[in-house]
PDB file of N, CA and C in Angstrom:
ATOM      1  N   MET A   1     144.577 212.026 105.101  1.00  0.00           N
ATOM      2  CA  MET A   1     145.036 210.757 104.596  1.00  0.00           C
ATOM      3  C   MET A   1     145.941 211.010 103.393  1.00  0.00           C
ATOM      4  N   VAL A   2     146.995 210.238 103.264  1.00  0.00           N
ATOM      5  CA  VAL A   2     147.925 210.348 102.148  1.00  0.00           C
ATOM      6  C   VAL A   2     147.916 209.031 101.389  1.00  0.00           C
ATOM      7  N   THR A   3     147.808 209.127 100.069  1.00  0.00           N
ATOM      8  CA  THR A   3     147.849 207.939  99.220  1.00  0.00           C
ATOM      9  C   THR A   3     148.915 208.132  98.151  1.00  0.00           C
ATOM     10  N   THR A   4     149.188 207.068  97.425  1.00  0.00           N
ATOM     11  CA  THR A   4     150.096 207.194  96.289  1.00  0.00           C
ATOM     12  C   THR A   4     149.407 208.045  95.233  1.00  0.00           C
ATOM     13  N   ALA A   5     150.183 208.512  94.283  1.00  0.00           N
ATOM     14  CA  ALA A   5     149.634 209.336  93.215  1.00  0.00           C
ATOM     15  C   ALA A   5     149.283 208.514  91.979  1.00  0.00           C
ATOM     16  N   GLY A   6     149.424 207.209  92.086  1.00  0.00           N
ATOM     17  CA  GLY A   6     149.121 206.367  90.926  1.00  0.00           C
ATOM     18  C   GLY A   6     150.052 206.712  89.779  1.00  0.00           C
ATOM     19  N   LYS A   7     149.489 206.984  88.618  1.00  0.00           N
ATOM     20  CA  LYS A   7     150.296 207.321  87.441  1.00  0.00           C
ATOM     21  C   LYS A   7     150.566 208.821  87.310  1.00  0.00           C
ATOM     22  N   LEU A   8     150.081 209.595  88.249  1.00  0.00           N
ATOM     23  CA  LEU A   8     150.346 211.037  88.220  1.00  0.00           C
ATOM     24  C   LEU A   8     151.817 211.287  88.556  1.00  0.00           C
ATOM     25  N   PRO A   9     152.386 212.363  88.044  1.00  0.00           N
ATOM     26  CA  PRO A   9     153.812 212.634  88.280  1.00  0.00           C
ATOM     27  C   PRO A   9     154.085 213.342  89.615  1.00  0.00           C
ATOM     28  N   PHE A  10     153.499 212.814  90.696  1.00  0.00           N
ATOM     29  CA  PHE A  10     153.653 213.402  92.012  1.00  0.00           C
ATOM     30  C   PHE A  10     154.096 212.332  92.999  1.00  0.00           C
ATOM     31  N   LYS A  11     154.602 212.753  94.130  1.00  0.00           N
ATOM     32  CA  LYS A  11     155.012 211.804  95.167  1.00  0.00           C
ATOM     33  C   LYS A  11     153.815 211.186  95.872  1.00  0.00           C
ATOM     34  N   GLY A  12     152.733 211.906  95.931  1.00  0.00           N
ATOM     35  CA  GLY A  12     151.550 211.391  96.606  1.00  0.00           C
ATOM     36  C   GLY A  12     150.417 212.393  96.568  1.00  0.00           C
ATOM     37  N   VAL A  13     149.295 211.989  97.122  1.00  0.00           N
ATOM     38  CA  VAL A  13     148.113 212.838  97.197  1.00  0.00           C
ATOM     39  C   VAL A  13     147.673 212.899  98.655  1.00  0.00           C
ATOM     40  N   ILE A  14     147.523 214.106  99.155  1.00  0.00           N
ATOM     41  CA  ILE A  14     147.008 214.316 100.504  1.00  0.00           C
ATOM     42  C   ILE A  14     145.527 214.644 100.359  1.00  0.00           C
ATOM     43  N   HIS A  15     144.696 213.830 100.977  1.00  0.00           N
ATOM     44  CA  HIS A  15     143.256 214.036 100.899  1.00  0.00           C
ATOM     45  C   HIS A  15     142.818 214.822 102.136  1.00  0.00           C
ATOM     46  N   ALA A  16     142.223 215.970 101.895  1.00  0.00           N
ATOM     47  CA  ALA A  16     141.788 216.829 103.000  1.00  0.00           C
ATOM     48  C   ALA A  16     140.339 217.252 102.765  1.00  0.00           C
ATOM     49  N   VAL A  17     139.595 217.341 103.837  1.00  0.00           N
ATOM     50  CA  VAL A  17     138.205 217.795 103.759  1.00  0.00           C
ATOM     51  C   VAL A  17     138.076 219.010 104.656  1.00  0.00           C
ATOM     52  N   GLY A  18     137.550 220.081 104.082  1.00  0.00           N
ATOM     53  CA  GLY A  18     137.313 221.288 104.858  1.00  0.00           C
ATOM     54  C   GLY A  18     135.902 221.293 105.426  1.00  0.00           C
ATOM     55  N   PRO A  19     135.570 222.327 106.158  1.00  0.00           N
ATOM     56  CA  PRO A  19     134.246 222.408 106.781  1.00  0.00           C
ATOM     57  C   PRO A  19     133.155 222.801 105.783  1.00  0.00           C
ATOM     58  N   ARG A  20     131.937 222.527 106.177  1.00  0.00           N
ATOM     59  CA  ARG A  20     130.754 222.982 105.436  1.00  0.00           C
ATOM     60  C   ARG A  20     130.292 224.289 106.074  1.00  0.00           C
ATOM     61  N   PHE A  21     129.755 225.176 105.249  1.00  0.00           N
ATOM     62  CA  PHE A  21     129.219 226.424 105.780  1.00  0.00           C
ATOM     63  C   PHE A  21     128.055 226.111 106.707  1.00  0.00           C
ATOM     64  N   GLY A  22     128.045 226.752 107.859  1.00  0.00           N
ATOM     65  CA  GLY A  22     126.993 226.558 108.843  1.00  0.00           C
ATOM     66  C   GLY A  22     127.423 225.708 110.028  1.00  0.00           C
ATOM     67  N   GLU A  23     128.593 225.072 109.919  1.00  0.00           N
ATOM     68  CA  GLU A  23     129.095 224.265 111.036  1.00  0.00           C
ATOM     69  C   GLU A  23     129.584 225.143 112.187  1.00  0.00           C
ATOM     70  N   GLY A  24     129.974 226.354 111.857  1.00  0.00           N
ATOM     71  CA  GLY A  24     130.570 227.251 112.842  1.00  0.00           C
ATOM     72  C   GLY A  24     132.082 227.166 112.791  1.00  0.00           C
ATOM     73  N   GLN A  25     132.734 228.265 113.040  1.00  0.00           N
ATOM     74  CA  GLN A  25     134.192 228.370 113.066  1.00  0.00           C
ATOM     75  C   GLN A  25     134.827 227.856 111.772  1.00  0.00           C
ATOM     76  N   GLU A  26     134.175 228.124 110.645  1.00  0.00           N
ATOM     77  CA  GLU A  26     134.641 227.616 109.363  1.00  0.00           C
ATOM     78  C   GLU A  26     136.056 228.071 109.018  1.00  0.00           C
ATOM     79  N   GLU A  27     136.366 229.336 109.290  1.00  0.00           N
ATOM     80  CA  GLU A  27     137.696 229.841 108.944  1.00  0.00           C
ATOM     81  C   GLU A  27     138.790 229.091 109.698  1.00  0.00           C
ATOM     82  N   ASP A  28     138.603 228.924 110.989  1.00  0.00           N
ATOM     83  CA  ASP A  28     139.604 228.215 111.785  1.00  0.00           C
ATOM     84  C   ASP A  28     139.686 226.744 111.388  1.00  0.00           C
ATOM     85  N   LYS A  29     138.549 226.106 111.174  1.00  0.00           N
ATOM     86  CA  LYS A  29     138.541 224.699 110.776  1.00  0.00           C
ATOM     87  C   LYS A  29     139.234 224.497 109.433  1.00  0.00           C
ATOM     88  N   LEU A  30     139.003 225.403 108.498  1.00  0.00           N
ATOM     89  CA  LEU A  30     139.629 225.308 107.183  1.00  0.00           C
ATOM     90  C   LEU A  30     141.131 225.512 107.287  1.00  0.00           C
ATOM     91  N   ARG A  31     141.538 226.515 108.031  1.00  0.00           N
ATOM     92  CA  ARG A  31     142.971 226.764 108.226  1.00  0.00           C
ATOM     93  C   ARG A  31     143.641 225.551 108.861  1.00  0.00           C
ATOM     94  N   GLN A  32     143.005 224.965 109.862  1.00  0.00           N
ATOM     95  CA  GLN A  32     143.567 223.791 110.537  1.00  0.00           C
ATOM     96  C   GLN A  32     143.641 222.581 109.600  1.00  0.00           C
ATOM     97  N   ALA A  33     142.645 222.415 108.741  1.00  0.00           N
ATOM     98  CA  ALA A  33     142.666 221.300 107.779  1.00  0.00           C
ATOM     99  C   ALA A  33     143.843 221.450 106.816  1.00  0.00           C
ATOM    100  N   LEU A  34     144.064 222.666 106.348  1.00  0.00           N
ATOM    101  CA  LEU A  34     145.186 222.904 105.434  1.00  0.00           C
ATOM    102  C   LEU A  34     146.523 222.716 106.141  1.00  0.00           C
ATOM    103  N   LEU A  35     146.630 223.225 107.348  1.00  0.00           N
ATOM    104  CA  LEU A  35     147.886 223.059 108.094  1.00  0.00           C
ATOM    105  C   LEU A  35     148.161 221.578 108.370  1.00  0.00           C
ATOM    106  N   ALA A  36     147.123 220.797 108.631  1.00  0.00           N
ATOM    107  CA  ALA A  36     147.308 219.355 108.837  1.00  0.00           C
ATOM    108  C   ALA A  36     147.817 218.700 107.555  1.00  0.00           C
ATOM    109  N   ALA A  37     147.287 219.115 106.414  1.00  0.00           N
ATOM    110  CA  ALA A  37     147.766 218.585 105.132  1.00  0.00           C
ATOM    111  C   ALA A  37     149.226 218.977 104.906  1.00  0.00           C
ATOM    112  N   PHE A  38     149.571 220.213 105.236  1.00  0.00           N
ATOM    113  CA  PHE A  38     150.962 220.664 105.069  1.00  0.00           C
ATOM    114  C   PHE A  38     151.895 219.869 105.989  1.00  0.00           C
ATOM    115  N   ARG A  39     151.422 219.549 107.180  1.00  0.00           N
ATOM    116  CA  ARG A  39     152.239 218.729 108.099  1.00  0.00           C
ATOM    117  C   ARG A  39     152.466 217.330 107.521  1.00  0.00           C
ATOM    118  N   CYS A  40     151.446 216.773 106.883  1.00  0.00           N
ATOM    119  CA  CYS A  40     151.610 215.466 106.232  1.00  0.00           C
ATOM    120  C   CYS A  40     152.706 215.532 105.178  1.00  0.00           C
ATOM    121  N   ALA A  41     152.723 216.600 104.411  1.00  0.00           N
ATOM    122  CA  ALA A  41     153.768 216.771 103.392  1.00  0.00           C
ATOM    123  C   ALA A  41     155.132 216.919 104.043  1.00  0.00           C
ATOM    124  N   GLU A  42     155.200 217.715 105.080  1.00  0.00           N
ATOM    125  CA  GLU A  42     156.469 217.944 105.777  1.00  0.00           C
ATOM    126  C   GLU A  42     157.002 216.644 106.393  1.00  0.00           C
ATOM    127  N   GLU A  43     156.129 215.835 106.967  1.00  0.00           N
ATOM    128  CA  GLU A  43     156.535 214.560 107.563  1.00  0.00           C
ATOM    129  C   GLU A  43     157.152 213.621 106.532  1.00  0.00           C
ATOM    130  N   ARG A  44     156.775 213.801 105.274  1.00  0.00           N
ATOM    131  CA  ARG A  44     157.301 212.960 104.205  1.00  0.00           C
ATOM    132  C   ARG A  44     158.475 213.623 103.487  1.00  0.00           C
ATOM    133  N   ALA A  45     158.932 214.754 104.023  1.00  0.00           N
ATOM    134  CA  ALA A  45     160.055 215.521 103.471  1.00  0.00           C
ATOM    135  C   ALA A  45     159.755 216.070 102.082  1.00  0.00           C
ATOM    136  N   TRP A  46     158.474 216.323 101.803  1.00  0.00           N
ATOM    137  CA  TRP A  46     158.117 216.970 100.544  1.00  0.00           C
ATOM    138  C   TRP A  46     158.403 218.452 100.686  1.00  0.00           C
ATOM    139  N   GLN A  47     158.906 219.065  99.650  1.00  0.00           N
ATOM    140  CA  GLN A  47     159.241 220.481  99.672  1.00  0.00           C
ATOM    141  C   GLN A  47     158.098 221.370  99.179  1.00  0.00           C
ATOM    142  N   SER A  48     157.158 220.769  98.464  1.00  0.00           N
ATOM    143  CA  SER A  48     156.088 221.580  97.892  1.00  0.00           C
ATOM    144  C   SER A  48     154.766 220.820  97.930  1.00  0.00           C
ATOM    145  N   VAL A  49     153.700 221.578  97.805  1.00  0.00           N
ATOM    146  CA  VAL A  49     152.350 221.022  97.778  1.00  0.00           C
ATOM    147  C   VAL A  49     151.468 221.970  96.973  1.00  0.00           C
ATOM    148  N   SER A  50     150.487 221.408  96.313  1.00  0.00           N
ATOM    149  CA  SER A  50     149.482 222.203  95.600  1.00  0.00           C
ATOM    150  C   SER A  50     148.128 221.845  96.194  1.00  0.00           C
ATOM    151  N   PHE A  51     147.249 222.848  96.301  1.00  0.00           N
ATOM    152  CA  PHE A  51     145.921 222.534  96.825  1.00  0.00           C
ATOM    153  C   PHE A  51     144.855 223.362  96.128  1.00  0.00           C
ATOM    154  N   PRO A  52     143.657 222.792  96.015  1.00  0.00           N
ATOM    155  CA  PRO A  52     142.543 223.489  95.365  1.00  0.00           C
ATOM    156  C   PRO A  52     141.810 224.394  96.358  1.00  0.00           C
ATOM    157  N   ALA A  53     140.740 224.968  95.887  1.00  0.00           N
ATOM    158  CA  ALA A  53     139.935 225.871  96.711  1.00  0.00           C
ATOM    159  C   ALA A  53     139.027 225.059  97.635  1.00  0.00           C
ATOM    160  N   VAL A  54     139.618 224.514  98.681  1.00  0.00           N
ATOM    161  CA  VAL A  54     138.915 223.657  99.638  1.00  0.00           C
ATOM    162  C   VAL A  54     137.748 224.422 100.280  1.00  0.00           C
ATOM    163  N   SER A  55     136.599 223.777 100.358  1.00  0.00           N
ATOM    164  CA  SER A  55     135.374 224.267 101.006  1.00  0.00           C
ATOM    165  C   SER A  55     134.648 225.387 100.262  1.00  0.00           C
ATOM    166  N   SER A  56     135.206 225.877  99.158  1.00  0.00           N
ATOM    167  CA  SER A  56     134.570 227.007  98.470  1.00  0.00           C
ATOM    168  C   SER A  56     133.498 226.581  97.472  1.00  0.00           C
ATOM    169  N   GLY A  57     133.411 225.301  97.170  1.00  0.00           N
ATOM    170  CA  GLY A  57     132.445 224.814  96.193  1.00  0.00           C
ATOM    171  C   GLY A  57     131.175 224.323  96.852  1.00  0.00           C
ATOM    172  N   ILE A  58     130.987 223.008  96.832  1.00  0.00           N
ATOM    173  CA  ILE A  58     129.730 222.446  97.344  1.00  0.00           C
ATOM    174  C   ILE A  58     129.564 222.620  98.848  1.00  0.00           C
ATOM    175  N   PHE A  59     130.659 222.908  99.561  1.00  0.00           N
ATOM    176  CA  PHE A  59     130.543 223.145 101.002  1.00  0.00           C
ATOM    177  C   PHE A  59     130.146 224.583 101.308  1.00  0.00           C
ATOM    178  N   ALA A  60     130.145 225.445 100.287  1.00  0.00           N
ATOM    179  CA  ALA A  60     129.555 226.789 100.320  1.00  0.00           C
ATOM    180  C   ALA A  60     130.116 227.751 101.366  1.00  0.00           C
ATOM    181  N   VAL A  61     131.351 227.542 101.793  1.00  0.00           N
ATOM    182  CA  VAL A  61     131.960 228.512 102.713  1.00  0.00           C
ATOM    183  C   VAL A  61     132.211 229.793 101.906  1.00  0.00           C
ATOM    184  N   PRO A  62     131.785 230.951 102.401  1.00  0.00           N
ATOM    185  CA  PRO A  62     131.968 232.198 101.663  1.00  0.00           C
ATOM    186  C   PRO A  62     133.429 232.429 101.281  1.00  0.00           C
ATOM    187  N   LEU A  63     133.621 233.002 100.102  1.00  0.00           N
ATOM    188  CA  LEU A  63     134.959 233.140  99.548  1.00  0.00           C
ATOM    189  C   LEU A  63     135.892 233.997 100.394  1.00  0.00           C
ATOM    190  N   ASP A  64     135.361 235.022 101.065  1.00  0.00           N
ATOM    191  CA  ASP A  64     136.240 235.845 101.894  1.00  0.00           C
ATOM    192  C   ASP A  64     136.788 235.036 103.069  1.00  0.00           C
ATOM    193  N   ILE A  65     135.973 234.144 103.624  1.00  0.00           N
ATOM    194  CA  ILE A  65     136.424 233.277 104.716  1.00  0.00           C
ATOM    195  C   ILE A  65     137.467 232.294 104.200  1.00  0.00           C
ATOM    196  N   CYS A  66     137.187 231.693 103.043  1.00  0.00           N
ATOM    197  CA  CYS A  66     138.146 230.765 102.438  1.00  0.00           C
ATOM    198  C   CYS A  66     139.472 231.459 102.170  1.00  0.00           C
ATOM    199  N   ALA A  67     139.411 232.637 101.569  1.00  0.00           N
ATOM    200  CA  ALA A  67     140.638 233.355 101.216  1.00  0.00           C
ATOM    201  C   ALA A  67     141.470 233.663 102.455  1.00  0.00           C
ATOM    202  N   ARG A  68     140.840 234.111 103.530  1.00  0.00           N
ATOM    203  CA  ARG A  68     141.584 234.385 104.764  1.00  0.00           C
ATOM    204  C   ARG A  68     142.263 233.125 105.286  1.00  0.00           C
ATOM    205  N   ALA A  69     141.542 231.997 105.258  1.00  0.00           N
ATOM    206  CA  ALA A  69     142.099 230.729 105.744  1.00  0.00           C
ATOM    207  C   ALA A  69     143.241 230.257 104.854  1.00  0.00           C
ATOM    208  N   TYR A  70     143.069 230.346 103.530  1.00  0.00           N
ATOM    209  CA  TYR A  70     144.127 229.908 102.607  1.00  0.00           C
ATOM    210  C   TYR A  70     145.399 230.710 102.836  1.00  0.00           C
ATOM    211  N   VAL A  71     145.262 232.018 102.860  1.00  0.00           N
ATOM    212  CA  VAL A  71     146.436 232.893 102.990  1.00  0.00           C
ATOM    213  C   VAL A  71     147.113 232.684 104.348  1.00  0.00           C
ATOM    214  N   ALA A  72     146.332 232.591 105.407  1.00  0.00           N
ATOM    215  CA  ALA A  72     146.915 232.368 106.738  1.00  0.00           C
ATOM    216  C   ALA A  72     147.658 231.041 106.796  1.00  0.00           C
ATOM    217  N   ALA A  73     147.072 229.992 106.233  1.00  0.00           N
ATOM    218  CA  ALA A  73     147.717 228.676 106.253  1.00  0.00           C
ATOM    219  C   ALA A  73     149.006 228.687 105.442  1.00  0.00           C
ATOM    220  N   VAL A  74     148.968 229.276 104.265  1.00  0.00           N
ATOM    221  CA  VAL A  74     150.162 229.321 103.412  1.00  0.00           C
ATOM    222  C   VAL A  74     151.267 230.126 104.084  1.00  0.00           C
ATOM    223  N   ARG A  75     150.909 231.244 104.666  1.00  0.00           N
ATOM    224  CA  ARG A  75     151.925 232.093 105.312  1.00  0.00           C
ATOM    225  C   ARG A  75     152.580 231.412 106.506  1.00  0.00           C
ATOM    226  N   SER A  76     151.896 230.491 107.148  1.00  0.00           N
ATOM    227  CA  SER A  76     152.494 229.824 108.305  1.00  0.00           C
ATOM    228  C   SER A  76     153.033 228.430 107.958  1.00  0.00           C
ATOM    229  N   SER A  77     152.998 228.084 106.690  1.00  0.00           N
ATOM    230  CA  SER A  77     153.473 226.772 106.266  1.00  0.00           C
ATOM    231  C   SER A  77     154.993 226.686 106.303  1.00  0.00           C
ATOM    232  N   PRO A  78     155.530 225.562 106.760  1.00  0.00           N
ATOM    233  CA  PRO A  78     156.976 225.361 106.738  1.00  0.00           C
ATOM    234  C   PRO A  78     157.490 224.905 105.373  1.00  0.00           C
ATOM    235  N   LEU A  79     156.571 224.628 104.441  1.00  0.00           N
ATOM    236  CA  LEU A  79     156.978 224.142 103.122  1.00  0.00           C
ATOM    237  C   LEU A  79     157.596 225.256 102.284  1.00  0.00           C
ATOM    238  N   ARG A  80     158.490 224.858 101.408  1.00  0.00           N
ATOM    239  CA  ARG A  80     159.192 225.825 100.578  1.00  0.00           C
ATOM    240  C   ARG A  80     158.313 226.400  99.467  1.00  0.00           C
ATOM    241  N   ASN A  81     157.408 225.588  98.954  1.00  0.00           N
ATOM    242  CA  ASN A  81     156.598 226.015  97.828  1.00  0.00           C
ATOM    243  C   ASN A  81     155.169 225.510  98.011  1.00  0.00           C
ATOM    244  N   VAL A  82     154.232 226.435  98.106  1.00  0.00           N
ATOM    245  CA  VAL A  82     152.819 226.084  98.235  1.00  0.00           C
ATOM    246  C   VAL A  82     152.077 226.765  97.093  1.00  0.00           C
ATOM    247  N   ARG A  83     151.389 225.960  96.302  1.00  0.00           N
ATOM    248  CA  ARG A  83     150.639 226.478  95.154  1.00  0.00           C
ATOM    249  C   ARG A  83     149.141 226.372  95.432  1.00  0.00           C
ATOM    250  N   LEU A  84     148.444 227.444  95.180  1.00  0.00           N
ATOM    251  CA  LEU A  84     146.990 227.430  95.240  1.00  0.00           C
ATOM    252  C   LEU A  84     146.503 227.205  93.814  1.00  0.00           C
ATOM    253  N   CYS A  85     145.789 226.146  93.587  1.00  0.00           N
ATOM    254  CA  CYS A  85     145.266 225.808  92.255  1.00  0.00           C
ATOM    255  C   CYS A  85     143.813 226.276  92.186  1.00  0.00           C
ATOM    256  N   LEU A  86     143.644 227.507  91.798  1.00  0.00           N
ATOM    257  CA  LEU A  86     142.329 228.132  91.785  1.00  0.00           C
ATOM    258  C   LEU A  86     141.875 228.305  90.346  1.00  0.00           C
ATOM    259  N   ARG A  87     140.681 227.844  90.019  1.00  0.00           N
ATOM    260  CA  ARG A  87     140.238 227.903  88.637  1.00  0.00           C
ATOM    261  C   ARG A  87     139.089 228.878  88.401  1.00  0.00           C
ATOM    262  N   ASP A  88     138.408 229.265  89.446  1.00  0.00           N
ATOM    263  CA  ASP A  88     137.272 230.170  89.297  1.00  0.00           C
ATOM    264  C   ASP A  88     137.693 231.598  89.635  1.00  0.00           C
ATOM    265  N   GLN A  89     137.342 232.539  88.763  1.00  0.00           N
ATOM    266  CA  GLN A  89     137.755 233.928  88.958  1.00  0.00           C
ATOM    267  C   GLN A  89     137.305 234.525  90.284  1.00  0.00           C
ATOM    268  N   PRO A  90     136.086 234.242  90.763  1.00  0.00           N
ATOM    269  CA  PRO A  90     135.705 234.803  92.071  1.00  0.00           C
ATOM    270  C   PRO A  90     136.621 234.351  93.207  1.00  0.00           C
ATOM    271  N   VAL A  91     137.060 233.102  93.174  1.00  0.00           N
ATOM    272  CA  VAL A  91     137.970 232.608  94.213  1.00  0.00           C
ATOM    273  C   VAL A  91     139.329 233.293  94.068  1.00  0.00           C
ATOM    274  N   ILE A  92     139.804 233.395  92.844  1.00  0.00           N
ATOM    275  CA  ILE A  92     141.079 234.071  92.583  1.00  0.00           C
ATOM    276  C   ILE A  92     141.015 235.508  93.080  1.00  0.00           C
ATOM    277  N   ASP A  93     139.929 236.198  92.768  1.00  0.00           N
ATOM    278  CA  ASP A  93     139.781 237.596  93.189  1.00  0.00           C
ATOM    279  C   ASP A  93     139.779 237.723  94.714  1.00  0.00           C
ATOM    280  N   ALA A  94     139.110 236.812  95.394  1.00  0.00           N
ATOM    281  CA  ALA A  94     139.050 236.854  96.857  1.00  0.00           C
ATOM    282  C   ALA A  94     140.437 236.647  97.464  1.00  0.00           C
ATOM    283  N   VAL A  95     141.208 235.717  96.905  1.00  0.00           N
ATOM    284  CA  VAL A  95     142.562 235.464  97.414  1.00  0.00           C
ATOM    285  C   VAL A  95     143.469 236.657  97.127  1.00  0.00           C
ATOM    286  N   LEU A  96     143.382 237.210  95.936  1.00  0.00           N
ATOM    287  CA  LEU A  96     144.199 238.389  95.608  1.00  0.00           C
ATOM    288  C   LEU A  96     143.875 239.563  96.523  1.00  0.00           C
ATOM    289  N   LYS A  97     142.585 239.752  96.803  1.00  0.00           N
ATOM    290  CA  LYS A  97     142.181 240.824  97.722  1.00  0.00           C
ATOM    291  C   LYS A  97     142.786 240.600  99.100  1.00  0.00           C
ATOM    292  N   GLU A  98     142.748 239.356  99.571  1.00  0.00           N
ATOM    293  CA  GLU A  98     143.309 239.044 100.886  1.00  0.00           C
ATOM    294  C   GLU A  98     144.825 239.233 100.898  1.00  0.00           C
ATOM    295  N   LEU A  99     145.486 238.872  99.827  1.00  0.00           N
ATOM    296  CA  LEU A  99     146.942 239.041  99.741  1.00  0.00           C
ATOM    297  C   LEU A  99     147.359 240.504  99.758  1.00  0.00           C
ATOM    298  N   ASN A 100     146.477 241.366  99.245  1.00  0.00           N
ATOM    299  CA  ASN A 100     146.803 242.801  99.163  1.00  0.00           C
ATOM    300  C   ASN A 100     146.471 243.567 100.435  1.00  0.00           C
ATOM    301  N   LYS A 101     145.992 242.897 101.459  1.00  0.00           N
ATOM    302  CA  LYS A 101     145.671 243.586 102.722  1.00  0.00           C
ATOM    303  C   LYS A 101     146.936 243.866 103.492  1.00  0.00           C
TER     304      LYS A 101
END
């Protein structure tokens, strides 16, 4: 779902929900959720998007699975600029490890 950004200095907000750990196929589901969000941005002719560490918090998807999904989704994104907004060092470390493979 896409909404306005209200008073934020953005064109809009794409609301995405990733999988919960234990549902099965978490990596693929997470990658697909991110790609769907990127398609929403592309449909609106947005050139860039920022996203947080989807599913890595209360949904408890292991960080290595999240990192693989994030990197795969970003690498296949048609957008010009994709920012990962990661605030926790363990998540950052997992993504950096995946990027260095």
